Amino acid sequence: MISVVNIIIELSCLITAIIFLKKDGSLFSILTRGYLAIVVIIETIGFSMSKGFHLNNAWLYNIFIIFEAAYISYGLYAALNKLTNKALMICSIPIITFTITYIIEIYNHGFLKFNSLTINLESVVFVVVCLVYFYLLIKQKDPIDLNTNAQFWWVSGVLFYYFGSTIYNLFIYFLYQDFPKSYTILIYVMLILNLLLYSIWIYSYICNSRQRKLLLSSY
């Protein structure tokens, strides 16, 4: 049931992105629609494999996290690029970290076990990069309009999700080991994190649409 709700949330985000970003021809908007489509497809296939056929789907998510790392890294680069000329250098850190850890994990345990260390470490790096973004944003002299600043909300969603995921990943092993019944609670925590991420992203797409309308009306 939780997996189905997750898929519905992700599908809602995809539909919203298609509606509000359809007139935005930027590379980030195109990648966003493509990434969200991949999310929905992977989650649907993963759910079918696990619940319908009782198959190991860890390898599927090992493929998915490559798309996840690439998309989030590029999104952070696109946001930082408007604030600093060192955006490429900053956003190369998540890619390098992911690549090294991913290769090490695949070498150590193969492709059929989920690369949990890779995604855990990547979550921490994403949080740090998000904090760098907000630090640079605060240093700006020009005020920002939160009603039209899509990048602010998109990065906020990333920060909340990966910060929550970092805390979740740190405690899940210990909680489950000492309190097996807490597993259900942890599943709901992850659902809330997903809902938070995609809700904020949906608002960022609405802001993007507002921003384009303001630009068109100014001509």
Protein backbone atom coordinates (compact mmCIF):
# COMPACT_ATOMS: atom_id res chain seq x y z
CA MET A 1 0.00 0.00 0.00
CA ILE A 2 2.82 2.40 0.91
CA SER A 3 4.57 1.69 -2.39
CA VAL A 4 1.37 2.43 -4.30
CA VAL A 5 0.99 5.77 -2.49
CA ASN A 6 4.61 6.58 -3.34
CA ILE A 7 3.97 5.87 -7.01
CA ILE A 8 0.86 8.08 -6.96
CA ILE A 9 2.87 10.94 -5.40
CA GLU A 10 5.62 10.57 -7.99
CA LEU A 11 3.12 10.33 -10.85
CA SER A 12 1.42 13.52 -9.60
CA CYS A 13 4.77 15.28 -9.66
CA LEU A 14 5.44 14.07 -13.21
CA ILE A 15 2.05 15.25 -14.46
CA THR A 16 2.56 18.65 -12.80
CA ALA A 17 6.01 18.96 -14.39
CA ILE A 18 4.58 18.16 -17.82
CA ILE A 19 1.85 20.79 -17.39
CA PHE A 20 3.90 23.64 -15.91
CA LEU A 21 7.25 23.03 -17.63
CA LYS A 22 5.96 22.21 -21.12
CA LYS A 23 6.78 25.72 -22.41
CA ASP A 24 10.18 25.81 -20.73
CA GLY A 25 12.75 24.56 -23.20
CA SER A 26 15.69 24.68 -20.80
CA LEU A 27 17.85 21.57 -20.44
CA PHE A 28 16.98 21.31 -16.75
CA SER A 29 13.23 21.27 -17.45
CA ILE A 30 13.66 18.62 -20.15
CA LEU A 31 15.80 16.50 -17.81
CA THR A 32 13.26 16.98 -15.01
CA ARG A 33 10.42 15.52 -17.06
CA GLY A 34 12.63 12.66 -18.22
CA TYR A 35 13.90 11.92 -14.72
CA LEU A 36 10.43 11.89 -13.17
CA ALA A 37 9.24 9.52 -15.90
CA ILE A 38 12.14 7.21 -15.03
CA VAL A 39 11.22 7.44 -11.33
CA VAL A 40 7.63 6.36 -12.00
CA ILE A 41 8.70 3.54 -14.33
CA ILE A 42 11.37 2.20 -11.97
CA GLU A 43 9.10 2.38 -8.91
CA THR A 44 6.30 0.59 -10.78
CA ILE A 45 8.60 -2.16 -12.05
CA GLY A 46 10.31 -2.45 -8.64
CA PHE A 47 6.95 -2.75 -6.88
CA SER A 48 5.76 -5.42 -9.35
CA MET A 49 8.98 -7.42 -8.95
CA SER A 50 8.89 -7.29 -5.16
CA LYS A 51 5.19 -7.68 -4.39
CA GLY A 52 3.89 -9.41 -7.51
CA PHE A 53 6.67 -11.86 -8.31
CA HIS A 54 8.72 -11.81 -5.07
CA LEU A 55 11.93 -11.12 -6.98
CA ASN A 56 15.05 -9.29 -5.85
CA ASN A 57 14.85 -5.74 -7.23
CA ALA A 58 18.07 -4.38 -5.67
CA TRP A 59 19.86 -4.48 -9.04
CA LEU A 60 17.10 -2.31 -10.53
CA TYR A 61 17.59 0.39 -7.90
CA ASN A 62 21.37 0.16 -8.35
CA ILE A 63 20.70 1.28 -11.91
CA PHE A 64 18.21 3.93 -10.81
CA ILE A 65 20.58 5.66 -8.36
CA ILE A 66 22.89 6.45 -11.29
CA PHE A 67 20.09 8.54 -12.84
CA GLU A 68 19.28 10.01 -9.42
CA ALA A 69 22.85 11.11 -8.71
CA ALA A 70 23.27 12.58 -12.20
CA TYR A 71 19.97 14.49 -12.15
CA ILE A 72 20.33 15.94 -8.64
CA SER A 73 23.95 16.91 -9.34
CA TYR A 74 22.96 18.70 -12.54
CA GLY A 75 20.02 20.42 -10.81
CA LEU A 76 22.32 21.74 -8.10
CA TYR A 77 24.79 22.86 -10.76
CA ALA A 78 22.03 24.75 -12.62
CA ALA A 79 21.02 26.53 -9.38
CA LEU A 80 24.58 27.30 -8.25
CA ASN A 81 25.63 28.47 -11.71
CA LYS A 82 23.52 31.58 -11.21
CA LEU A 83 25.37 32.43 -8.00
CA THR A 84 29.00 31.46 -8.57
CA ASN A 85 31.49 30.67 -11.33
CA LYS A 86 32.68 27.69 -9.26
CA ALA A 87 29.42 25.77 -9.70
CA LEU A 88 31.00 23.11 -11.91
CA MET A 89 33.78 22.47 -9.41
CA ILE A 90 31.34 22.24 -6.48
CA CYS A 91 28.95 19.89 -8.27
CA SER A 92 31.73 17.63 -9.51
CA ILE A 93 32.19 16.52 -5.88
CA PRO A 94 28.90 14.54 -5.73
CA ILE A 95 29.65 12.89 -9.08
CA ILE A 96 33.20 11.89 -8.09
CA THR A 97 32.05 10.68 -4.66
CA PHE A 98 29.23 8.65 -6.17
CA THR A 99 31.39 7.08 -8.88
CA ILE A 100 34.15 5.97 -6.53
CA THR A 101 31.80 4.57 -3.87
CA TYR A 102 29.57 2.89 -6.47
CA ILE A 103 32.49 1.06 -8.09
CA ILE A 104 33.86 -0.03 -4.70
CA GLU A 105 30.50 -1.43 -3.59
CA ILE A 106 29.88 -3.26 -6.86
CA TYR A 107 33.36 -4.77 -6.59
CA ASN A 108 32.82 -5.82 -2.96
CA HIS A 109 29.36 -7.36 -3.11
CA GLY A 110 28.27 -7.48 -6.73
CA PHE A 111 25.27 -5.95 -8.49
CA LEU A 112 22.47 -7.89 -6.80
CA LYS A 113 22.86 -6.18 -3.41
CA PHE A 114 21.75 -2.57 -3.03
CA ASN A 115 24.56 0.00 -2.84
CA SER A 116 23.41 1.45 0.49
CA LEU A 117 26.77 3.06 1.38
CA THR A 118 26.81 4.88 -1.95
CA ILE A 119 23.38 6.43 -1.49
CA ASN A 120 24.02 7.21 2.19
CA LEU A 121 27.26 9.04 1.44
CA GLU A 122 25.71 10.76 -1.56
CA SER A 123 22.88 12.05 0.65
CA VAL A 124 25.39 13.72 2.96
CA VAL A 125 27.21 15.33 0.01
CA PHE A 126 23.95 16.63 -1.47
CA VAL A 127 23.04 18.22 1.88
CA VAL A 128 26.42 19.99 2.01
CA VAL A 129 26.06 21.29 -1.56
CA CYS A 130 22.54 22.55 -0.77
CA LEU A 131 23.89 24.42 2.25
CA VAL A 132 26.55 25.99 0.03
CA TYR A 133 23.76 27.15 -2.30
CA PHE A 134 21.82 28.79 0.54
CA TYR A 135 24.99 30.39 1.91
CA LEU A 136 25.69 31.97 -1.48
CA LEU A 137 22.05 32.99 -1.81
CA ILE A 138 22.14 34.78 1.56
CA LYS A 139 25.33 36.61 0.51
CA GLN A 140 23.53 38.09 -2.48
CA LYS A 141 22.65 41.75 -2.20
CA ASP A 142 19.55 41.47 -4.37
CA PRO A 143 16.44 40.09 -2.58
CA ILE A 144 14.69 37.08 -4.12
CA ASP A 145 11.00 36.67 -4.80
CA LEU A 146 9.99 33.30 -3.34
CA ASN A 147 6.82 33.29 -5.46
CA THR A 148 8.83 33.04 -8.67
CA ASN A 149 12.20 31.60 -7.62
CA ALA A 150 11.90 28.00 -8.81
CA GLN A 151 15.53 27.16 -8.04
CA PHE A 152 15.13 28.09 -4.36
CA TRP A 153 12.21 25.73 -3.91
CA TRP A 154 13.75 22.92 -5.94
CA VAL A 155 16.94 23.02 -3.84
CA SER A 156 14.84 23.28 -0.65
CA GLY A 157 13.11 20.05 -1.59
CA VAL A 158 16.47 18.36 -2.16
CA LEU A 159 17.81 19.64 1.18
CA PHE A 160 14.83 18.48 3.23
CA TYR A 161 14.68 15.10 1.53
CA TYR A 162 18.36 14.21 1.71
CA PHE A 163 18.82 15.64 5.20
CA GLY A 164 15.89 13.52 6.37
CA SER A 165 17.26 10.53 4.44
CA THR A 166 20.66 10.96 6.11
CA ILE A 167 19.10 10.86 9.58
CA TYR A 168 16.85 7.98 8.49
CA ASN A 169 19.79 5.97 7.16
CA LEU A 170 21.87 6.58 10.27
CA PHE A 171 19.22 5.25 12.64
CA ILE A 172 17.36 2.63 10.59
CA TYR A 173 19.85 -0.17 11.30
CA PHE A 174 20.04 0.47 15.04
CA LEU A 175 16.31 1.02 15.47
CA TYR A 176 15.37 -2.06 13.51
CA GLN A 177 17.92 -4.18 15.35
CA ASP A 178 16.69 -3.14 18.83
CA PHE A 179 13.04 -2.50 17.94
CA PRO A 180 11.93 -4.73 15.03
CA LYS A 181 8.38 -3.37 15.19
CA SER A 182 9.70 0.13 14.41
CA TYR A 183 10.14 -0.94 10.76
CA THR A 184 6.55 0.08 9.96
CA ILE A 185 7.13 3.53 11.46
CA LEU A 186 10.31 3.93 9.43
CA ILE A 187 8.39 3.12 6.24
CA TYR A 188 5.94 5.92 7.01
CA VAL A 189 8.84 8.30 7.71
CA MET A 190 10.19 7.58 4.22
CA LEU A 191 6.73 8.15 2.77
CA ILE A 192 6.58 11.56 4.47
CA LEU A 193 10.02 12.45 3.10
CA ASN A 194 8.89 11.52 -0.41
CA LEU A 195 5.71 13.54 -0.01
CA LEU A 196 7.72 16.52 1.21
CA LEU A 197 10.21 16.31 -1.67
CA TYR A 198 7.67 16.01 -4.46
CA SER A 199 5.29 18.58 -2.94
CA ILE A 200 8.06 21.19 -2.83
CA TRP A 201 9.15 20.27 -6.34
CA ILE A 202 5.58 20.69 -7.57
CA TYR A 203 5.55 24.19 -6.09
CA SER A 204 8.88 24.92 -7.79
CA TYR A 205 7.31 24.05 -11.16
CA ILE A 206 4.46 26.44 -10.43
CA CYS A 207 7.03 29.12 -9.57
CA ASN A 208 8.80 28.42 -12.85
CA SER A 209 5.56 29.03 -14.72
CA ARG A 210 4.99 32.30 -12.83
CA GLN A 211 8.54 33.40 -13.62
CA ARG A 212 8.06 32.82 -17.35
CA LYS A 213 4.76 34.72 -17.34
CA LEU A 214 6.41 37.69 -15.61
CA LEU A 215 9.23 37.69 -18.16
CA LEU A 216 6.76 37.59 -21.06
CA SER A 217 4.63 40.41 -19.58
CA SER A 218 7.72 42.62 -19.16
CA TYR A 219 8.36 42.74 -22.94
